[in-house]
Amino acid sequence: MKSYLQFDEADWARTTRNWSAWWEGELERPMVVIEAMSTRQDRGGAWWDHITGFPLSVSAEAVIDRYAAEMDAMLWAGDAFPKWWPNFGPGIIAGFLGSRVDASTGTTWFYPSDAAALAEMDLAFSLDNPWWARVATVTRAAMARWGDRVVIGHTDLGGNLDILASLRDTQQLLLDLYDAPDEVERLARQITPLWLRYYDEFHRLVAPTNRGTSCWSPLWAPGTSYMLQSDFSYMISPRMFERLILPDLTACCEALEYPFYHLDGKGQIKHLDMLLAIEKLRGIQWIPGDGAPPPEEWLPLLKRIRDGGKLCQLFVSPAGALTIARELGGKGFVFCLTGDDGFLTPEQAAACVEAFRAEGLLE
């Protein structure tokens, strides 16, 4: 286990070699991401804070100072690599486009800033807003602090209808789908090129120091990558998904080199066949959801993803990961090992390294 200060050129070469081989289907074992904290931190502490909760008057450097102790406490083992991502809430593009950003509850919510009629809405790309400025300055401060020793992940941009729901309100957008589906489709298609432009702007921002690409998920890629999503799709039919979301995902997959999709909860399983049919989509992240059985109890679904030709990433307990590897084989999986309250302890991480090496799942 190493801190980001101990991660040397040989470690980065190994990271590049193994992750690149995994993406290309050339690695016979899974990727096993083992992250630990040398000093236990409260999950309500700075590591989990949404940066939107810091007043804009707090300097970017002071924001990064709040995360420094947590970064210093992090240890990376197995196929993990030093990373940090600027957490501005789920779908900050809504803030870039004028949604009101509220972090008063400890998380980030987006609310419509006006009551414009749906037909009057016209979305336009702009970097001249306080939230893009904040994302950029905080990201530059992180780059200045950690340089090429830490991969800075892409901030959470959101999905096309997730962004539109933030601009309209989720309940209102559901009514819009009934009252004016053509207008919803117009705006959904308008968001896709905006999303790609914001992605490119952020990618250019972090490119000078980043060794590869990451985002909020623990995947590393040698080129452009992102964890695409559409949480709104939980609430709509496959026919609406095909009309309103699938074109966006397909366009993003065409533009990115290593796209993944965040399949969040059993309500999205109805869309899986369409996702598997997207040729350029590289993989599926399966999140069972609160109260649902853990990943190792979804073996038929995991097999369906792998048989569909896609890679698969899971947040899973060490025992659960071993079960999946024994039942389905480990090739094509990323097991991100979790403890009872999130991160593993150093002792738990060391035990995982030993156990997974004994089964041929780690080099």
Protein backbone atom coordinates (compact mmCIF):
# COMPACT_ATOMS: atom_id res chain seq x y z
CA MET A 1 0.00 0.00 0.00
CA LYS A 2 1.27 3.42 -0.93
CA SER A 3 0.31 7.03 -0.47
CA TYR A 4 0.24 9.34 -3.45
CA LEU A 5 3.68 10.62 -2.40
CA GLN A 6 5.07 7.06 -2.60
CA PHE A 7 3.46 6.21 -5.94
CA ASP A 8 6.47 6.23 -8.26
CA GLU A 9 7.11 5.96 -11.99
CA ALA A 10 7.16 2.16 -11.84
CA ASP A 11 3.72 2.23 -10.18
CA TRP A 12 2.33 4.53 -12.86
CA ALA A 13 3.83 2.31 -15.57
CA ARG A 14 2.12 -0.71 -13.99
CA THR A 15 -1.16 1.20 -13.72
CA THR A 16 -1.01 2.18 -17.38
CA ARG A 17 -0.06 -1.32 -18.52
CA ASN A 18 -2.67 -3.24 -16.54
CA TRP A 19 -5.61 -0.90 -17.05
CA SER A 20 -4.87 -0.58 -20.77
CA ALA A 21 -4.74 -4.37 -21.10
CA TRP A 22 -8.02 -4.67 -19.17
CA TRP A 23 -9.80 -2.24 -21.48
CA GLU A 24 -8.65 -4.24 -24.49
CA GLY A 25 -9.77 -7.57 -23.03
CA GLU A 26 -6.18 -8.80 -22.78
CA LEU A 27 -6.08 -9.23 -19.00
CA GLU A 28 -7.27 -12.62 -17.77
CA ARG A 29 -7.83 -11.46 -14.19
CA PRO A 30 -10.12 -8.72 -12.83
CA MET A 31 -8.96 -5.31 -11.79
CA VAL A 32 -9.06 -5.09 -8.00
CA VAL A 33 -9.23 -1.56 -6.61
CA ILE A 34 -8.21 -1.41 -2.95
CA GLU A 35 -8.40 1.98 -1.24
CA ALA A 36 -7.77 2.47 2.47
CA MET A 37 -7.44 5.32 4.93
CA SER A 38 -4.51 5.22 7.32
CA THR A 39 -6.51 7.38 9.76
CA ARG A 40 -10.23 6.75 9.99
CA GLN A 41 -12.25 9.72 8.83
CA ASP A 42 -15.86 10.63 9.53
CA ARG A 43 -17.87 10.24 6.32
CA GLY A 44 -19.30 13.66 7.04
CA GLY A 45 -15.84 15.17 6.83
CA ALA A 46 -14.15 17.06 4.03
CA TRP A 47 -13.51 13.99 1.87
CA TRP A 48 -17.26 13.65 1.32
CA ASP A 49 -18.14 17.35 1.26
CA HIS A 50 -19.77 18.78 -1.83
CA ILE A 51 -17.63 21.72 -2.89
CA THR A 52 -20.86 23.60 -3.59
CA GLY A 53 -21.22 23.82 0.20
CA PHE A 54 -18.22 26.13 0.50
CA PRO A 55 -19.19 29.80 0.09
CA LEU A 56 -17.84 31.28 -3.12
CA SER A 57 -15.89 33.70 -0.95
CA VAL A 58 -13.70 30.80 0.26
CA SER A 59 -10.63 30.65 -1.97
CA ALA A 60 -9.99 27.61 -4.16
CA GLU A 61 -6.73 27.04 -2.31
CA ALA A 62 -8.57 27.00 1.02
CA VAL A 63 -11.04 24.47 -0.38
CA ILE A 64 -8.18 22.18 -1.36
CA ASP A 65 -6.64 22.67 2.08
CA ARG A 66 -9.77 21.05 3.53
CA TYR A 67 -9.12 17.90 1.50
CA ALA A 68 -5.37 17.70 2.13
CA ALA A 69 -5.57 15.66 5.35
CA GLU A 70 -7.82 13.10 3.71
CA MET A 71 -5.53 12.81 0.69
CA ASP A 72 -2.56 12.37 3.00
CA ALA A 73 -4.44 9.58 4.81
CA MET A 74 -5.35 7.68 1.64
CA LEU A 75 -3.50 4.49 0.69
CA TRP A 76 -3.69 2.82 -2.71
CA ALA A 77 -3.18 -0.91 -3.26
CA GLY A 78 -3.92 -3.54 -5.88
CA ASP A 79 -5.02 -1.73 -9.04
CA ALA A 80 -5.97 1.49 -7.25
CA PHE A 81 -4.20 4.71 -8.17
CA PRO A 82 -4.03 8.14 -6.53
CA LYS A 83 -7.04 10.19 -7.59
CA TRP A 84 -9.27 13.04 -6.47
CA TRP A 85 -12.36 14.45 -8.09
CA PRO A 86 -14.03 17.84 -7.63
CA ASN A 87 -17.50 17.01 -6.28
CA PHE A 88 -19.92 19.73 -7.31
CA GLY A 89 -22.99 17.55 -7.02
CA PRO A 90 -24.79 15.27 -9.49
CA GLY A 91 -25.01 17.12 -12.77
CA ILE A 92 -23.31 20.50 -12.32
CA ILE A 93 -23.97 21.30 -16.00
CA ALA A 94 -27.41 22.36 -14.75
CA GLY A 95 -25.61 25.04 -12.73
CA PHE A 96 -23.63 26.07 -15.81
CA LEU A 97 -26.94 26.49 -17.67
CA GLY A 98 -28.59 28.62 -15.00
CA SER A 99 -30.12 26.25 -12.47
CA ARG A 100 -30.08 27.46 -8.87
CA VAL A 101 -27.51 25.47 -6.86
CA ASP A 102 -28.34 24.69 -3.22
CA ALA A 103 -26.01 22.79 -0.86
CA SER A 104 -27.63 23.86 2.40
CA THR A 105 -28.61 20.28 3.33
CA GLY A 106 -25.09 18.83 2.98
CA THR A 107 -25.66 17.50 -0.51
CA THR A 108 -26.29 19.40 -3.75
CA TRP A 109 -29.70 20.06 -5.26
CA PHE A 110 -30.54 21.98 -8.40
CA TYR A 111 -33.69 24.07 -8.77
CA PRO A 112 -35.21 25.95 -11.71
CA SER A 113 -34.09 29.57 -11.67
CA ASP A 114 -37.18 30.84 -13.49
CA ALA A 115 -40.57 29.70 -14.68
CA ALA A 116 -39.97 29.90 -18.42
CA ALA A 117 -42.41 27.96 -20.55
CA LEU A 118 -41.00 24.76 -21.97
CA ALA A 119 -41.34 25.98 -25.57
CA GLU A 120 -39.42 29.17 -24.70
CA MET A 121 -36.40 27.37 -23.27
CA ASP A 122 -33.27 27.59 -25.39
CA LEU A 123 -30.03 26.27 -23.90
CA ALA A 124 -26.67 27.71 -24.89
CA PHE A 125 -23.06 26.92 -24.04
CA SER A 126 -21.31 29.46 -21.85
CA LEU A 127 -18.27 29.52 -19.59
CA ASP A 128 -19.31 32.94 -18.29
CA ASN A 129 -21.07 31.80 -15.13
CA PRO A 130 -19.97 31.53 -11.49
CA TRP A 131 -20.23 27.75 -11.30
CA TRP A 132 -17.97 27.01 -14.24
CA ALA A 133 -15.53 29.56 -12.82
CA ARG A 134 -15.64 27.79 -9.46
CA VAL A 135 -15.11 24.34 -10.99
CA ALA A 136 -12.16 25.64 -12.99
CA THR A 137 -10.45 27.50 -10.15
CA VAL A 138 -10.81 24.65 -7.65
CA THR A 139 -9.55 22.16 -10.24
CA ARG A 140 -6.52 24.33 -11.01
CA ALA A 141 -5.81 24.61 -7.29
CA ALA A 142 -5.87 20.80 -7.01
CA MET A 143 -3.52 20.51 -9.98
CA ALA A 144 -1.17 23.02 -8.40
CA ARG A 145 -1.26 21.13 -5.08
CA TRP A 146 -0.77 17.57 -6.35
CA GLY A 147 0.62 17.91 -9.88
CA ASP A 148 1.01 14.66 -11.79
CA ARG A 149 1.06 12.60 -8.58
CA VAL A 150 -2.77 12.50 -8.51
CA VAL A 151 -5.30 12.01 -11.32
CA ILE A 152 -7.97 14.72 -11.14
CA GLY A 153 -11.28 13.13 -12.12
CA HIS A 154 -13.90 14.80 -14.28
CA THR A 155 -16.55 16.52 -12.21
CA ASP A 156 -20.05 15.00 -12.32
CA LEU A 157 -21.62 16.48 -15.46
CA GLY A 158 -24.93 14.57 -15.32
CA GLY A 159 -27.07 12.94 -18.02
CA ASN A 160 -29.22 14.77 -20.55
CA LEU A 161 -32.63 14.27 -18.87
CA ASP A 162 -31.07 14.53 -15.40
CA ILE A 163 -29.82 17.99 -16.39
CA LEU A 164 -33.17 18.92 -17.89
CA ALA A 165 -34.94 17.72 -14.72
CA SER A 166 -32.72 20.09 -12.72
CA LEU A 167 -33.71 22.94 -15.02
CA ARG A 168 -37.42 22.09 -14.97
CA ASP A 169 -37.94 20.15 -11.69
CA THR A 170 -38.28 16.36 -11.84
CA GLN A 171 -42.04 16.26 -11.31
CA GLN A 172 -42.58 18.98 -13.89
CA LEU A 173 -40.45 17.15 -16.44
CA LEU A 174 -42.53 14.01 -15.95
CA LEU A 175 -45.62 16.11 -16.72
CA ASP A 176 -43.82 17.63 -19.71
CA LEU A 177 -43.29 14.14 -21.11
CA TYR A 178 -47.05 13.72 -21.12
CA ASP A 179 -47.99 17.24 -22.26
CA ALA A 180 -45.20 18.16 -24.68
CA PRO A 181 -42.91 15.21 -25.55
CA ASP A 182 -41.66 16.92 -28.73
CA GLU A 183 -40.41 19.88 -26.72
CA VAL A 184 -38.69 17.57 -24.26
CA GLU A 185 -37.02 15.79 -27.16
CA ARG A 186 -35.89 19.14 -28.62
CA LEU A 187 -34.21 20.14 -25.37
CA ALA A 188 -32.77 16.67 -24.75
CA ARG A 189 -31.09 16.80 -28.15
CA GLN A 190 -29.92 20.35 -27.46
CA ILE A 191 -28.15 19.23 -24.27
CA THR A 192 -25.98 16.55 -25.92
CA PRO A 193 -23.61 18.89 -27.84
CA LEU A 194 -23.46 21.16 -24.79
CA TRP A 195 -22.46 18.19 -22.62
CA LEU A 196 -19.71 17.26 -25.05
CA ARG A 197 -18.37 20.82 -25.10
CA TYR A 198 -18.27 21.01 -21.31
CA TYR A 199 -16.56 17.62 -21.19
CA ASP A 200 -13.93 18.84 -23.67
CA GLU A 201 -13.36 22.05 -21.70
CA PHE A 202 -12.77 20.13 -18.48
CA HIS A 203 -10.57 17.60 -20.24
CA ARG A 204 -8.39 20.38 -21.64
CA LEU A 205 -8.22 21.89 -18.18
CA VAL A 206 -6.79 18.79 -16.47
CA ALA A 207 -4.74 17.42 -19.38
CA PRO A 208 -1.48 19.22 -18.50
CA THR A 209 -0.97 17.21 -15.29
CA ASN A 210 -3.24 14.17 -15.57
CA ARG A 211 -1.79 10.71 -16.20
CA GLY A 212 -4.81 9.26 -17.96
CA THR A 213 -8.48 9.94 -17.26
CA SER A 214 -10.89 9.23 -14.42
CA CYS A 215 -14.10 10.64 -12.94
CA TRP A 216 -16.02 9.96 -9.71
CA SER A 217 -15.80 6.23 -10.30
CA PRO A 218 -12.50 4.40 -9.65
CA LEU A 219 -11.79 3.57 -13.29
CA TRP A 220 -8.58 4.67 -15.00
CA ALA A 221 -8.38 5.03 -18.78
CA PRO A 222 -5.55 5.97 -21.15
CA GLY A 223 -7.84 8.29 -23.16
CA THR A 224 -11.13 10.14 -22.88
CA SER A 225 -13.50 8.34 -20.53
CA TYR A 226 -16.60 9.01 -18.46
CA MET A 227 -19.27 7.27 -16.39
CA LEU A 228 -22.35 8.17 -18.41
CA GLN A 229 -25.67 8.12 -16.62
CA SER A 230 -29.39 8.76 -16.74
CA ASP A 231 -30.91 8.42 -13.29
CA PHE A 232 -34.13 9.88 -14.71
CA SER A 233 -34.49 6.76 -16.84
CA TYR A 234 -35.55 4.83 -13.73
CA MET A 235 -38.93 6.55 -14.06
CA ILE A 236 -39.64 6.14 -17.77
CA SER A 237 -40.48 3.35 -20.18
CA PRO A 238 -38.06 1.67 -22.60
CA ARG A 239 -39.86 3.42 -25.46
CA MET A 240 -39.18 6.85 -23.94
CA PHE A 241 -35.61 5.78 -23.13
CA GLU A 242 -35.10 4.84 -26.77
CA ARG A 243 -36.45 8.16 -27.99
CA LEU A 244 -34.98 10.59 -25.49
CA ILE A 245 -31.88 9.06 -23.89
CA LEU A 246 -30.44 6.45 -26.22
CA PRO A 247 -29.46 9.00 -28.93
CA ASP A 248 -27.59 11.04 -26.32
CA LEU A 249 -25.73 8.02 -24.93
CA THR A 250 -24.85 6.81 -28.42
CA ALA A 251 -23.46 10.23 -29.38
CA CYS A 252 -21.39 10.42 -26.19
CA CYS A 253 -20.07 6.90 -26.75
CA GLU A 254 -19.06 7.87 -30.29
CA ALA A 255 -17.17 10.90 -28.94
CA LEU A 256 -15.40 9.20 -26.02
CA GLU A 257 -12.76 6.49 -26.23
CA TYR A 258 -13.63 4.62 -23.02
CA PRO A 259 -17.27 5.27 -22.06
CA PHE A 260 -19.04 3.41 -19.24
CA TYR A 261 -22.66 3.54 -18.08
CA HIS A 262 -23.95 3.90 -14.50
CA LEU A 263 -26.81 1.38 -14.21
CA ASP A 264 -28.37 2.48 -10.93
CA GLY A 265 -31.04 0.24 -9.44
CA LYS A 266 -33.42 -2.45 -10.65
CA GLY A 267 -35.67 0.14 -12.31
CA GLN A 268 -33.03 0.62 -15.01
CA ILE A 269 -32.65 -3.06 -15.86
CA LYS A 270 -35.49 -2.73 -18.37
CA HIS A 271 -33.16 -0.60 -20.51
CA LEU A 272 -30.19 -2.97 -20.39
CA ASP A 273 -30.68 -4.59 -23.79
CA MET A 274 -30.51 -1.20 -25.49
CA LEU A 275 -27.38 -0.33 -23.54
CA LEU A 276 -25.71 -3.60 -24.50
CA ALA A 277 -26.51 -2.84 -28.14
CA ILE A 278 -24.50 0.43 -28.10
CA GLU A 279 -21.40 -0.73 -29.96
CA LYS A 280 -18.99 1.88 -28.58
CA LEU A 281 -20.11 1.53 -24.96
CA ARG A 282 -17.29 -0.27 -23.18
CA GLY A 283 -18.93 -1.31 -19.93
CA ILE A 284 -21.66 -1.18 -17.30
CA GLN A 285 -21.35 -0.17 -13.66
CA TRP A 286 -24.03 -2.02 -11.66
CA ILE A 287 -25.33 -0.34 -8.51
CA PRO A 288 -28.07 -2.46 -6.87
CA GLY A 289 -29.39 0.48 -4.83
CA ASP A 290 -30.26 1.05 -1.20
CA GLY A 291 -31.99 -1.89 0.41
CA ALA A 292 -31.29 -4.22 -2.51
CA PRO A 293 -29.21 -7.42 -2.31
CA PRO A 294 -25.44 -6.89 -2.76
CA PRO A 295 -23.76 -7.36 -6.16
CA GLU A 296 -22.81 -11.01 -5.60
CA GLU A 297 -26.53 -11.84 -5.41
CA TRP A 298 -27.08 -10.58 -8.97
CA LEU A 299 -25.05 -13.23 -10.78
CA PRO A 300 -27.50 -13.72 -13.70
CA LEU A 301 -27.48 -9.97 -14.34
CA LEU A 302 -23.69 -9.78 -14.16
CA LYS A 303 -23.41 -12.73 -16.54
CA ARG A 304 -25.83 -11.01 -18.92
CA ILE A 305 -23.60 -7.91 -18.94
CA ARG A 306 -20.45 -9.92 -19.59
CA ASP A 307 -22.12 -12.17 -22.16
CA GLY A 308 -23.30 -8.99 -23.87
CA GLY A 309 -19.66 -8.11 -24.49
CA LYS A 310 -19.38 -5.35 -21.91
CA LEU A 311 -16.95 -4.86 -19.06
CA CYS A 312 -18.44 -4.55 -15.57
CA GLN A 313 -17.54 -2.46 -12.51
CA LEU A 314 -18.88 -3.08 -9.02
CA PHE A 315 -18.55 -1.67 -5.52
CA VAL A 316 -18.46 -4.88 -3.53
CA SER A 317 -17.23 -6.43 -0.33
CA PRO A 318 -14.06 -8.57 -0.52
CA ALA A 319 -16.10 -11.73 0.13
CA GLY A 320 -18.63 -10.72 -2.51
CA ALA A 321 -15.91 -10.12 -5.09
CA LEU A 322 -14.41 -13.54 -4.44
CA THR A 323 -17.85 -15.13 -4.87
CA ILE A 324 -18.35 -13.44 -8.24
CA ALA A 325 -14.88 -14.38 -9.46
CA ARG A 326 -15.38 -18.02 -8.44
CA GLU A 327 -18.83 -18.24 -10.06
CA LEU A 328 -18.34 -16.18 -13.22
CA GLY A 329 -14.59 -15.79 -13.56
CA GLY A 330 -12.85 -12.51 -12.94
CA LYS A 331 -12.00 -11.41 -16.47
CA GLY A 332 -13.63 -8.15 -17.47
CA PHE A 333 -14.64 -7.11 -13.96
CA VAL A 334 -13.47 -4.23 -11.81
CA PHE A 335 -13.98 -5.05 -8.13
CA CYS A 336 -13.84 -1.89 -6.02
CA LEU A 337 -13.57 -3.30 -2.53
CA THR A 338 -15.56 -1.66 0.24
CA GLY A 339 -15.62 -1.96 4.03
CA ASP A 340 -18.54 -1.79 6.42
CA ASP A 341 -18.46 2.01 6.45
CA GLY A 342 -16.84 2.78 3.13
CA PHE A 343 -13.06 2.71 2.96
CA LEU A 344 -11.07 -0.26 4.18
CA THR A 345 -8.63 0.01 7.06
CA PRO A 346 -4.96 -0.57 6.19
CA GLU A 347 -5.15 -3.95 7.94
CA GLN A 348 -8.20 -4.97 5.92
CA ALA A 349 -6.55 -3.78 2.71
CA ALA A 350 -3.40 -5.79 3.39
CA ALA A 351 -5.50 -8.89 4.05
CA CYS A 352 -7.35 -8.33 0.76
CA VAL A 353 -4.09 -8.07 -1.19
CA GLU A 354 -2.94 -11.38 0.27
CA ALA A 355 -6.28 -13.14 -0.32
CA PHE A 356 -6.71 -11.97 -3.90
CA ARG A 357 -3.13 -12.80 -4.81
CA ALA A 358 -3.62 -16.29 -3.39
CA GLU A 359 -6.50 -16.80 -5.84
CA GLY A 360 -4.60 -15.40 -8.81
CA LEU A 361 -6.76 -12.25 -8.93
CA LEU A 362 -3.91 -9.81 -8.32
CA GLU A 363 -0.37 -9.76 -9.63
